[in-house]
Protein backbone atom coordinates (compact mmCIF):
# COMPACT_ATOMS: atom_id res chain seq x y z
CA MET A 1 35.02 -31.91 29.59
CA LYS A 2 31.78 -30.11 28.76
CA THR A 3 32.64 -27.29 31.18
CA THR A 4 36.10 -26.92 29.63
CA LEU A 5 34.58 -26.62 26.15
CA GLN A 6 32.06 -24.07 27.37
CA LEU A 7 34.81 -21.99 28.99
CA GLU A 8 36.74 -22.08 25.72
CA GLU A 9 33.67 -20.86 23.83
CA ILE A 10 33.11 -18.09 26.40
CA ALA A 11 36.68 -16.93 25.74
CA MET A 12 36.00 -16.95 21.99
CA LEU A 13 32.82 -14.94 22.46
CA ALA A 14 34.81 -12.44 24.55
CA LEU A 15 37.38 -12.23 21.74
CA GLY A 16 34.60 -11.51 19.25
CA ILE A 17 33.22 -8.76 21.47
CA TYR A 18 36.70 -7.27 21.84
CA LEU A 19 37.27 -7.32 18.07
CA TYR A 20 33.87 -5.73 17.46
CA ASN A 21 34.96 -2.90 19.75
CA THR A 22 37.77 -2.12 17.26
CA LEU A 23 35.23 -1.41 14.50
CA PRO A 24 33.55 1.93 13.80
CA TYR A 25 30.04 0.68 14.49
CA PRO A 26 27.68 1.36 17.43
CA TRP A 27 27.03 -1.40 19.97
CA TRP A 28 23.34 -1.64 19.14
CA LEU A 29 24.31 -2.96 15.67
CA PHE A 30 26.17 -5.92 17.20
CA LEU A 31 23.14 -6.75 19.32
CA ALA A 32 20.72 -6.26 16.42
CA LEU A 33 22.68 -8.56 14.08
CA PHE A 34 23.85 -11.11 16.64
CA LEU A 35 21.17 -13.67 15.77
CA ALA A 36 21.38 -13.09 12.00
CA PRO A 37 23.46 -16.26 11.36
CA ASP A 38 20.46 -18.31 12.49
CA ILE A 39 18.93 -17.54 9.09
CA GLY A 40 20.76 -20.71 8.06
CA MET A 41 18.12 -22.71 9.92
CA LEU A 42 15.63 -21.79 7.20
CA GLY A 43 17.20 -24.56 5.15
CA TYR A 44 15.36 -27.03 7.37
CA LEU A 45 12.16 -25.83 5.70
CA ILE A 46 13.46 -27.43 2.48
CA ASN A 47 14.83 -30.65 3.97
CA ILE A 48 17.16 -31.96 6.67
CA LYS A 49 20.20 -32.20 4.38
CA ILE A 50 19.93 -28.59 3.14
CA GLY A 51 19.14 -27.42 6.69
CA ALA A 52 22.27 -29.05 8.13
CA LEU A 53 24.42 -27.70 5.28
CA LEU A 54 23.19 -24.10 5.62
CA TYR A 55 23.29 -24.19 9.41
CA ASN A 56 26.88 -25.46 9.34
CA ILE A 57 27.96 -22.83 6.80
CA PHE A 58 26.55 -20.02 8.94
CA HIS A 59 28.11 -21.48 12.11
CA HIS A 60 31.56 -22.47 10.81
CA LYS A 61 34.25 -20.60 12.71
CA GLY A 62 36.86 -21.24 10.02
CA LEU A 63 34.68 -19.49 7.46
CA ALA A 64 34.08 -16.64 9.94
CA ILE A 65 37.83 -16.22 10.49
CA GLY A 66 38.41 -16.29 6.73
CA ILE A 67 35.83 -13.56 6.12
CA TYR A 68 37.31 -11.48 8.93
CA GLY A 69 40.81 -12.01 7.51
CA ILE A 70 39.73 -10.86 4.06
CA GLY A 71 38.17 -7.82 5.72
CA ILE A 72 41.44 -7.04 7.52
CA TYR A 73 43.51 -7.53 4.35
CA SER A 74 41.19 -5.37 2.24
CA THR A 75 40.53 -2.90 5.09
CA ASN A 76 36.82 -3.55 4.61
CA PRO A 77 34.99 -3.04 7.94
CA ILE A 78 31.80 -4.66 6.62
CA LEU A 79 33.62 -7.95 6.01
CA GLN A 80 35.29 -7.61 9.39
CA LEU A 81 31.85 -7.10 10.94
CA ALA A 82 30.44 -10.14 9.15
CA GLY A 83 33.34 -12.34 10.28
CA ILE A 84 33.11 -11.16 13.88
CA LEU A 85 29.35 -11.69 13.99
CA LEU A 86 29.59 -15.20 12.53
CA PHE A 87 32.43 -16.11 14.91
CA SER A 88 30.77 -14.63 18.00
CA HIS A 89 27.39 -16.16 17.24
CA ALA A 90 28.91 -19.61 16.64
CA ALA A 91 30.74 -19.40 19.97
CA PHE A 92 27.51 -18.36 21.74
CA ASP A 93 25.57 -21.23 20.18
CA ARG A 94 28.23 -23.71 21.26
CA ILE A 95 28.08 -22.38 24.81
CA LEU A 96 24.40 -23.33 24.73
CA GLY A 97 25.13 -26.73 23.15
CA TYR A 98 24.03 -25.95 19.60
CA ASP A 99 26.91 -27.42 17.65
CA LEU A 100 27.49 -28.23 13.98
CA LYS A 101 24.74 -30.49 12.64
CA TYR A 102 24.69 -33.93 11.10
CA GLU A 103 22.28 -34.68 8.26
CA LYS A 104 20.25 -37.00 10.53
CA GLY A 105 18.43 -34.01 12.03
CA PHE A 106 18.77 -30.78 13.96
CA LYS A 107 19.35 -32.43 17.32
CA PHE A 108 22.31 -34.53 16.07
CA THR A 109 25.49 -32.48 16.53
CA HIS A 110 29.24 -33.02 16.33
CA LEU A 111 29.53 -32.84 20.12
CA GLY A 112 26.57 -35.08 20.94
CA ASP A 113 22.82 -35.14 20.67
CA LEU A 114 20.85 -32.12 21.89
CA GLY A 115 18.85 -32.85 25.00
CA LYS A 116 20.89 -35.93 25.84
CA LYS A 117 22.67 -35.84 29.22
CA ASN A 118 26.37 -36.60 28.70
């Protein structure tokens, strides 16, 4: 099942890359901003609950799709860029096993504990 989920996330990352290609921005910008959603991890400096909340906000694909949709509707390429980056980054993190977090700690995710062999 893990392989199937990873293949699905690879397809989503490919979709994000394809959608980025429709925007009027250079490729280096995608690469430069790709890790920007990880700024949500700074919440862990405050406490575990805030860290999990911020991490999950910055890695929520539904929110990413919503931002992208608003960008499409308003013909705002910056919102489209933000949505694509959030979506693509979340897919990449899930390929690596970094899923949405529980408030118990960073290693406790919605698809299992990090580092634990499933």
